[in-house]
Protein backbone atom coordinates (compact mmCIF):
# COMPACT_ATOMS: atom_id res chain seq x y z
CA MET A 1 -9.60 -2.77 -8.95
CA MET A 2 -9.52 -5.02 -5.92
CA ASN A 3 -6.58 -3.92 -3.90
CA TYR A 4 -6.92 -4.27 -0.18
CA SER A 5 -4.73 -2.50 2.30
CA LYS A 6 -1.73 -4.12 3.91
CA HIS A 7 -1.59 -4.56 7.68
CA VAL A 8 1.14 -2.25 8.87
CA ILE A 9 2.12 -1.44 12.45
CA GLY A 10 1.07 2.12 13.22
CA ILE A 11 2.88 3.74 16.11
CA PHE A 12 0.54 5.89 18.17
CA LEU A 13 2.52 8.27 20.30
CA VAL A 14 -0.10 9.97 22.45
CA LEU A 15 0.27 11.84 25.73
CA ALA A 16 -2.12 10.17 28.17
CA GLY A 17 -4.72 12.25 29.90
CA THR A 18 -3.25 11.31 33.28
CA GLY A 19 0.21 12.45 32.24
CA ILE A 20 -1.07 15.75 30.87
CA GLY A 21 -3.07 16.34 34.02
CA PHE A 22 -0.01 15.80 36.16
CA CYS A 23 1.99 18.25 34.08
CA GLN A 24 -0.75 20.87 34.31
CA ARG A 25 -0.65 20.79 38.12
CA VAL A 26 2.99 21.88 38.21
CA GLU A 27 4.46 25.30 37.44
CA LYS A 28 6.29 25.15 34.09
CA GLU A 29 9.70 26.16 35.45
CA ASN A 30 9.55 23.46 38.13
CA LEU A 31 7.98 20.78 35.92
CA PHE A 32 10.99 18.55 35.38
CA SER A 33 12.34 18.74 38.93
CA GLU A 34 8.92 18.07 40.45
CA LEU A 35 8.31 15.14 38.11
CA LEU A 36 11.76 13.72 38.84
CA LYS A 37 11.17 13.97 42.60
CA SER A 38 7.81 12.21 42.36
CA ALA A 39 9.14 9.62 39.90
CA GLU A 40 12.04 8.71 42.18
CA GLN A 41 9.52 8.27 45.00
CA GLY A 42 7.75 5.66 42.87
CA ASP A 43 4.86 7.64 41.39
CA ALA A 44 3.99 5.68 38.21
CA THR A 45 2.22 8.60 36.53
CA ALA A 46 5.24 10.83 37.11
CA GLN A 47 7.56 8.11 35.79
CA TYR A 48 5.45 7.79 32.66
CA SER A 49 5.30 11.58 32.21
CA LEU A 50 9.07 11.82 32.63
CA GLY A 51 9.46 9.14 29.97
CA VAL A 52 7.28 11.22 27.63
CA MET A 53 9.42 14.29 28.26
CA TYR A 54 12.62 12.42 27.43
CA TYR A 55 11.04 10.74 24.41
CA TYR A 56 9.98 14.02 22.81
CA GLY A 57 12.59 16.32 24.31
CA TYR A 58 9.75 18.25 25.94
CA GLY A 59 10.41 20.85 28.62
CA GLU A 60 13.06 23.44 29.30
CA GLY A 61 16.53 21.91 29.41
CA VAL A 62 15.26 18.41 28.56
CA GLU A 63 16.97 16.91 25.52
CA LYS A 64 15.51 13.99 23.60
CA ASP A 65 16.94 10.80 25.11
CA PHE A 66 15.36 7.48 24.11
CA HIS A 67 17.48 5.53 26.58
CA GLN A 68 16.23 7.63 29.52
CA ALA A 69 12.69 7.48 28.13
CA ALA A 70 12.87 3.68 28.03
CA GLU A 71 14.14 3.54 31.60
CA TRP A 72 11.28 5.65 32.99
CA PHE A 73 8.63 3.93 30.89
CA SER A 74 9.96 0.62 32.19
CA ARG A 75 9.61 1.72 35.83
CA ALA A 76 6.04 2.89 35.26
CA ALA A 77 5.16 -0.19 33.19
CA ASP A 78 6.38 -2.52 35.94
CA GLN A 79 3.84 -0.85 38.21
CA GLY A 80 1.04 -1.56 35.75
CA ASN A 81 0.73 1.83 34.06
CA ALA A 82 -1.03 0.97 30.79
CA GLU A 83 0.19 4.08 28.95
CA ALA A 84 3.79 3.28 29.85
CA GLN A 85 3.33 -0.37 28.87
CA HIS A 86 2.07 0.71 25.47
CA PHE A 87 4.91 3.19 25.02
CA LEU A 88 7.43 0.56 26.08
CA GLY A 89 6.00 -1.74 23.40
CA VAL A 90 6.56 1.04 20.88
CA ILE A 91 10.16 1.47 22.01
CA TYR A 92 10.96 -2.25 21.77
CA ALA A 93 9.23 -2.44 18.37
CA THR A 94 11.30 0.42 16.95
CA GLY A 95 14.55 -0.18 18.84
CA GLU A 96 14.68 3.36 20.21
CA GLY A 97 16.72 3.47 23.42
CA VAL A 98 16.78 -0.34 23.68
CA PRO A 99 17.86 -3.16 21.36
CA GLN A 100 14.95 -3.91 19.03
CA ASP A 101 13.04 -6.88 20.40
CA LYS A 102 9.75 -7.85 18.75
CA GLN A 103 8.98 -10.43 21.43
CA GLN A 104 9.36 -7.86 24.22
CA ALA A 105 7.26 -5.41 22.19
CA ALA A 106 4.51 -8.00 21.88
CA GLU A 107 4.56 -8.70 25.62
CA TRP A 108 4.27 -5.04 26.61
CA PHE A 109 1.59 -4.29 24.03
CA ARG A 110 -0.37 -7.24 25.38
CA LYS A 111 -0.10 -6.04 28.98
CA ALA A 112 -1.50 -2.64 27.96
CA ALA A 113 -4.12 -4.28 25.75
CA GLU A 114 -5.37 -6.47 28.59
CA GLN A 115 -6.02 -3.29 30.56
CA GLY A 116 -8.29 -2.12 27.74
CA LYS A 117 -6.03 0.35 25.92
CA ALA A 118 -7.40 0.47 22.38
CA GLU A 119 -4.14 1.44 20.64
CA ALA A 120 -2.39 -1.49 22.29
CA GLN A 121 -5.21 -3.87 21.37
CA PHE A 122 -4.81 -2.76 17.77
CA GLN A 123 -1.04 -3.31 17.96
CA VAL A 124 -1.52 -6.80 19.37
CA GLY A 125 -3.86 -7.54 16.46
CA VAL A 126 -1.23 -6.36 13.98
CA ILE A 127 1.45 -8.44 15.71
CA TYR A 128 -0.69 -11.58 15.52
CA TYR A 129 -1.50 -10.84 11.88
CA ASN A 130 2.16 -10.45 10.90
CA GLY A 131 3.62 -12.97 13.36
CA ASP A 132 6.05 -10.39 14.79
CA GLY A 133 7.47 -11.70 18.06
CA ILE A 134 4.74 -14.32 18.39
CA THR A 135 3.31 -17.16 16.33
CA GLN A 136 1.14 -15.84 13.51
CA ASP A 137 -2.53 -16.33 14.33
CA LYS A 138 -5.10 -14.49 12.24
CA SER A 139 -8.04 -15.54 14.38
CA GLN A 140 -6.28 -13.90 17.34
CA ALA A 141 -5.66 -10.85 15.17
CA VAL A 142 -9.39 -10.63 14.54
CA GLU A 143 -10.13 -10.95 18.24
CA TRP A 144 -7.83 -8.07 19.20
CA TYR A 145 -8.89 -5.89 16.27
CA HIS A 146 -12.45 -6.43 17.40
CA LYS A 147 -11.69 -5.29 20.96
CA ALA A 148 -10.10 -2.08 19.67
CA ALA A 149 -12.76 -1.58 17.00
CA GLU A 150 -15.54 -1.82 19.57
CA GLN A 151 -13.88 1.11 21.36
CA GLY A 152 -14.07 3.13 18.15
CA PHE A 153 -10.44 2.81 17.12
CA ALA A 154 -10.60 3.57 13.38
CA ALA A 155 -7.45 1.73 12.26
CA ALA A 156 -8.70 -1.45 13.96
CA GLN A 157 -12.12 -1.03 12.36
CA ASN A 158 -10.48 -0.78 8.93
CA ASN A 159 -8.26 -3.81 9.52
CA LEU A 160 -11.21 -5.81 10.84
CA GLY A 161 -13.06 -4.89 7.65
CA ASN A 162 -10.14 -6.27 5.67
CA MET A 163 -10.23 -9.52 7.62
CA TYR A 164 -13.93 -10.03 6.83
CA CYS A 165 -13.37 -8.96 3.22
CA ASN A 166 -10.55 -11.45 2.67
CA GLY A 167 -11.86 -14.22 4.92
CA GLU A 168 -8.75 -14.14 7.11
CA GLY A 169 -9.28 -15.42 10.65
CA VAL A 170 -13.05 -15.24 10.11
CA SER A 171 -15.54 -16.46 7.54
CA HIS A 172 -15.66 -14.33 4.40
CA ASP A 173 -18.43 -11.76 4.92
CA TYR A 174 -18.71 -8.66 2.71
CA ARG A 175 -21.61 -7.29 4.74
CA GLN A 176 -19.56 -7.31 7.95
CA ALA A 177 -16.61 -5.87 6.03
CA GLU A 178 -18.76 -3.00 4.77
CA GLU A 179 -20.03 -2.24 8.29
CA TRP A 180 -16.54 -1.96 9.76
CA PHE A 181 -15.17 -0.01 6.81
CA ARG A 182 -18.07 2.42 7.19
CA LYS A 183 -17.40 2.96 10.91
CA ALA A 184 -13.77 3.82 10.18
CA ALA A 185 -14.63 5.83 7.06
CA GLU A 186 -17.09 7.99 8.96
CA GLN A 187 -14.28 8.86 11.36
CA GLY A 188 -12.28 10.15 8.42
CA GLY A 189 -9.98 7.16 7.87
CA ALA A 190 -8.73 7.53 4.28
CA GLU A 191 -7.92 3.86 3.76
CA ALA A 192 -11.36 2.86 5.05
CA GLN A 193 -12.99 5.45 2.78
CA TYR A 194 -11.14 3.91 -0.15
CA ASN A 195 -12.18 0.41 0.92
CA LEU A 196 -15.81 1.48 1.27
CA GLY A 197 -15.62 3.00 -2.20
CA LEU A 198 -14.44 -0.38 -3.50
CA ARG A 199 -17.40 -2.11 -1.91
CA TYR A 200 -19.81 0.25 -3.70
CA ALA A 201 -17.93 -0.02 -6.99
CA ASN A 202 -18.00 -3.81 -6.90
CA GLY A 203 -21.35 -4.31 -5.16
CA GLU A 204 -19.81 -6.27 -2.29
CA GLY A 205 -21.86 -6.14 0.90
CA VAL A 206 -23.89 -3.26 -0.56
CA THR A 207 -25.93 -2.62 -3.69
CA GLN A 208 -23.56 -1.56 -6.47
CA ASP A 209 -23.62 2.22 -6.66
CA TYR A 210 -21.00 4.05 -8.71
CA GLN A 211 -22.05 7.45 -7.38
CA GLN A 212 -21.44 6.30 -3.81
CA ALA A 213 -18.15 4.76 -4.93
CA VAL A 214 -17.09 8.11 -6.38
CA GLU A 215 -18.12 9.92 -3.19
CA TRP A 216 -16.00 7.69 -0.94
CA TYR A 217 -13.08 7.57 -3.36
CA ARG A 218 -13.12 11.37 -3.44
CA LYS A 219 -13.03 11.64 0.36
CA ALA A 220 -9.99 9.34 0.48
CA ALA A 221 -8.36 10.92 -2.57
CA GLU A 222 -8.61 14.39 -1.09
CA GLN A 223 -6.69 13.07 1.92
CA GLY A 224 -3.93 11.91 -0.42
CA ASN A 225 -4.73 8.19 -0.69
CA ALA A 226 -2.99 7.25 -3.95
CA GLN A 227 -5.09 4.18 -4.73
CA ALA A 228 -8.29 6.21 -4.26
CA GLN A 229 -6.88 8.92 -6.53
CA TYR A 230 -6.17 6.28 -9.19
CA ASN A 231 -9.63 4.73 -8.86
CA LEU A 232 -11.29 8.15 -8.98
CA GLY A 233 -9.34 8.85 -12.15
CA ASN A 234 -10.72 5.62 -13.59
CA MET A 235 -14.27 6.65 -12.72
CA TYR A 236 -13.83 9.94 -14.57
CA TYR A 237 -12.14 8.16 -17.48
CA ASP A 238 -14.96 5.63 -17.87
CA GLY A 239 -17.80 7.96 -16.86
CA GLN A 240 -18.92 5.72 -13.99
CA GLY A 241 -20.83 7.60 -11.29
CA VAL A 242 -19.75 10.92 -12.83
CA THR A 243 -19.87 12.60 -16.21
CA GLN A 244 -16.97 11.34 -18.31
CA ASP A 245 -14.18 13.90 -18.09
CA TYR A 246 -10.71 13.08 -19.43
CA GLN A 247 -9.21 16.24 -17.99
CA LYS A 248 -10.30 15.37 -14.45
CA ALA A 249 -9.22 11.77 -15.02
CA ALA A 250 -5.74 13.00 -15.95
CA GLU A 251 -5.64 15.26 -12.89
CA TRP A 252 -6.39 12.41 -10.50
CA PHE A 253 -4.08 10.00 -12.32
CA ARG A 254 -1.31 12.59 -11.99
CA LYS A 255 -1.84 12.95 -8.24
CA ALA A 256 -1.58 9.18 -7.79
CA ALA A 257 1.27 8.86 -10.28
CA GLU A 258 3.34 11.46 -8.45
CA GLN A 259 3.00 9.31 -5.34
CA GLY A 260 4.42 6.35 -7.25
CA ASN A 261 1.24 4.47 -8.13
CA ALA A 262 2.34 2.35 -11.11
CA LYS A 263 -1.10 1.93 -12.68
CA ALA A 264 -1.71 5.67 -12.52
CA GLN A 265 1.68 6.26 -14.14
CA LEU A 266 0.71 3.88 -16.94
CA PHE A 267 -2.67 5.52 -17.52
CA LEU A 268 -1.18 8.99 -17.45
CA GLY A 269 1.31 7.79 -20.06
CA VAL A 270 -1.55 6.51 -22.20
CA MET A 271 -3.35 9.85 -21.92
CA TYR A 272 -0.25 11.73 -23.04
CA ALA A 273 0.28 9.28 -25.90
CA GLU A 274 -3.32 9.69 -27.08
CA GLY A 275 -3.80 13.37 -26.15
CA GLU A 276 -6.76 12.57 -23.89
CA GLY A 277 -7.36 15.25 -21.25
CA VAL A 278 -3.86 16.60 -21.81
CA PRO A 279 -2.00 17.91 -24.88
CA GLN A 280 -0.51 14.99 -26.79
CA ASP A 281 3.12 14.60 -25.76
CA LYS A 282 4.93 11.39 -26.68
CA GLN A 283 7.98 12.32 -24.61
CA GLN A 284 5.83 12.69 -21.49
CA ALA A 285 4.13 9.42 -22.37
CA ALA A 286 7.49 7.64 -22.54
CA GLU A 287 8.58 9.15 -19.23
CA TRP A 288 5.46 7.95 -17.40
CA TYR A 289 5.64 4.53 -19.07
CA TYR A 290 9.24 4.28 -17.88
CA LYS A 291 8.28 5.05 -14.26
CA ALA A 292 5.61 2.35 -14.31
CA ALA A 293 7.81 -0.09 -16.22
CA GLU A 294 10.56 0.27 -13.63
CA GLN A 295 8.05 -0.89 -11.04
CA GLY A 296 7.44 -4.04 -13.08
CA LEU A 297 4.09 -3.25 -14.68
CA ALA A 298 3.99 -5.46 -17.78
CA LEU A 299 1.74 -3.28 -19.95
CA ALA A 300 3.94 -0.24 -19.27
CA GLN A 301 7.00 -2.30 -20.23
CA TYR A 302 5.33 -3.35 -23.46
CA ASN A 303 4.22 0.22 -24.26
CA LEU A 304 7.71 1.53 -23.57
CA GLY A 305 9.13 -1.15 -25.86
CA CYS A 306 6.78 0.06 -28.59
CA MET A 307 7.94 3.66 -28.06
CA TYR A 308 11.56 2.59 -28.55
CA ASN A 309 10.63 0.43 -31.53
CA ASN A 310 8.85 3.32 -33.28
CA GLY A 311 11.03 6.17 -32.03
CA GLU A 312 8.10 7.93 -30.36
CA GLY A 313 9.08 10.22 -27.50
CA VAL A 314 12.51 8.57 -27.43
CA GLU A 315 15.18 7.83 -30.00
CA LYS A 316 14.49 4.68 -31.97
CA ASP A 317 16.41 1.84 -30.35
CA PHE A 318 15.60 -1.74 -31.32
CA ARG A 319 17.81 -3.15 -28.56
CA GLN A 320 15.91 -1.20 -25.88
CA ALA A 321 12.64 -2.15 -27.56
CA ALA A 322 13.55 -5.83 -27.36
CA GLU A 323 14.69 -5.51 -23.75
CA TRP A 324 11.44 -3.96 -22.55
CA CYS A 325 9.37 -6.37 -24.65
CA ARG A 326 11.23 -9.25 -23.02
CA LYS A 327 10.43 -7.98 -19.51
CA ALA A 328 6.73 -7.82 -20.36
CA ALA A 329 6.82 -11.12 -22.27
CA GLU A 330 8.35 -12.92 -19.30
CA GLN A 331 5.37 -11.78 -17.23
CA GLY A 332 3.01 -13.40 -19.74
CA ASP A 333 1.93 -10.39 -21.80
CA ALA A 334 0.75 -11.93 -25.10
CA LYS A 335 1.39 -8.85 -27.26
CA ALA A 336 4.90 -8.55 -25.89
CA GLN A 337 5.51 -12.25 -26.50
CA PHE A 338 4.34 -11.88 -30.10
CA ASN A 339 6.48 -8.78 -30.68
CA LEU A 340 9.52 -10.45 -29.15
CA GLY A 341 8.95 -13.33 -31.55
CA LEU A 342 8.91 -10.83 -34.42
CA LYS A 343 12.19 -9.34 -33.26
CA TYR A 344 13.87 -12.74 -33.21
CA ASN A 345 12.38 -13.52 -36.60
CA GLU A 346 13.68 -10.27 -38.10
CA GLY A 347 16.85 -9.90 -36.01
CA LYS A 348 15.89 -6.44 -34.71
CA GLY A 349 17.58 -5.61 -31.42
CA VAL A 350 18.50 -9.28 -30.96
CA THR A 351 20.48 -11.85 -32.89
CA GLN A 352 18.19 -13.43 -35.47
CA ASP A 353 17.02 -16.79 -34.19
CA TYR A 354 14.06 -18.59 -35.79
CA SER A 355 13.78 -21.15 -33.01
CA LYS A 356 13.46 -18.41 -30.39
CA ALA A 357 10.97 -16.63 -32.63
CA ALA A 358 8.89 -19.81 -32.71
CA LYS A 359 9.20 -20.19 -28.96
CA TRP A 360 7.73 -16.72 -28.30
CA TYR A 361 5.08 -17.12 -31.02
CA GLN A 362 4.08 -20.33 -29.28
CA LYS A 363 3.76 -18.62 -25.88
CA ALA A 364 1.74 -15.76 -27.37
CA ALA A 365 -0.44 -18.19 -29.32
CA GLU A 366 -1.17 -20.16 -26.14
CA ASN A 367 -2.28 -16.87 -24.58
CA GLY A 368 -4.76 -16.38 -27.42
CA ASN A 369 -2.86 -13.91 -29.62
CA ALA A 370 -4.30 -14.43 -33.12
CA SER A 371 -1.33 -12.84 -34.93
CA ALA A 372 1.04 -15.18 -33.13
CA GLN A 373 -1.12 -18.17 -34.00
CA PHE A 374 -0.98 -17.14 -37.67
CA ASN A 375 2.79 -16.52 -37.62
CA LEU A 376 3.39 -19.79 -35.83
CA GLY A 377 1.40 -21.59 -38.51
CA ILE A 378 3.47 -19.90 -41.24
CA HIS A 379 6.69 -20.78 -39.40
CA ILE A 380 5.71 -24.45 -39.07
CA GLN A 381 4.62 -24.58 -42.71
CA SER A 382 7.95 -23.12 -43.83
CA LEU A 383 9.82 -25.98 -42.17
CA PHE A 384 8.21 -28.40 -44.66
CA SER A 385 8.30 -26.18 -47.76
CA PHE A 386 11.90 -26.59 -48.86
CA GLU A 387 12.74 -28.68 -51.96
CA GLY A 388 12.80 -32.46 -51.42
CA VAL A 389 10.06 -32.57 -48.84
CA PHE A 390 6.77 -33.97 -50.13
């Protein structure tokens, strides 16, 4: 269940209070011309506001123009306007209106960050974490996340929680992780709500409490967080923190599965195969197994192989059965390894090959599969059972 969030650059395109205030002081029909006049006279706030107008295509007769936006942001940024510096970092990071340049992005984000802009501090933390445009340095990432987090920036609080949780750039500390996740979660951050749910589910940094886990998973799940939806489905399936309810489990698995969560797709397939919480439907089971199997989930690949082997929900096809079993077997799934050995032994879906059968029995046996250990013993015994061997 431990699945921590990835650090991803979030682009925060926000009109600054100063820019909005400037715009509000000017009659709407004269907005652009007045801004242009002030911008050409060197007013940094006007230059920034003009950049915003071009970036969004805001204002009568103003078309979206990233190149013009970059030019005006650059003029304002050179004068030390933190909002423009941050926006210029965004533009260089995305390559909108300028050639993409991660190093330039990092420099402009840093300039804005050093002036105390929380979004920029967060971006600098992300850049140090990923090593985009600068040398990767997770301790620096922590430092900049901390600056933004102290200002109440929820995404930074969540990422700082991850750093403490994983011991990246700081000493491993579940208690600190829980504190930062909670700060972000209480601001409504779905990923932080999910992470806080994990802490309660696993008793990391807090006393284990399945009811609290369910509560935080639900908050994140209702915001569309697929991993939280999957975990909430698990809680309903197992009856942890809630009354066991297969129907609700299936509902939450479906929500996550429709967003592409492979584990949820697998579990939804299982529920259709068994008729748990949904009417039994082997065809639906096969379809959900296929979606998860295509994403590389070994158990889904094995289950799909079984469906093809038995002709459940799909037409019986030993070749397809062997193919999906092989995919799972190559990932170390012991049941799949055993079944692939059987197929080589019997020549179903593959050319009969006793040596390959033995090879897969051996792998499955080493993974603790009792049936494979038995079959391997029989296979070895048969090698010494022909006439003339004493």
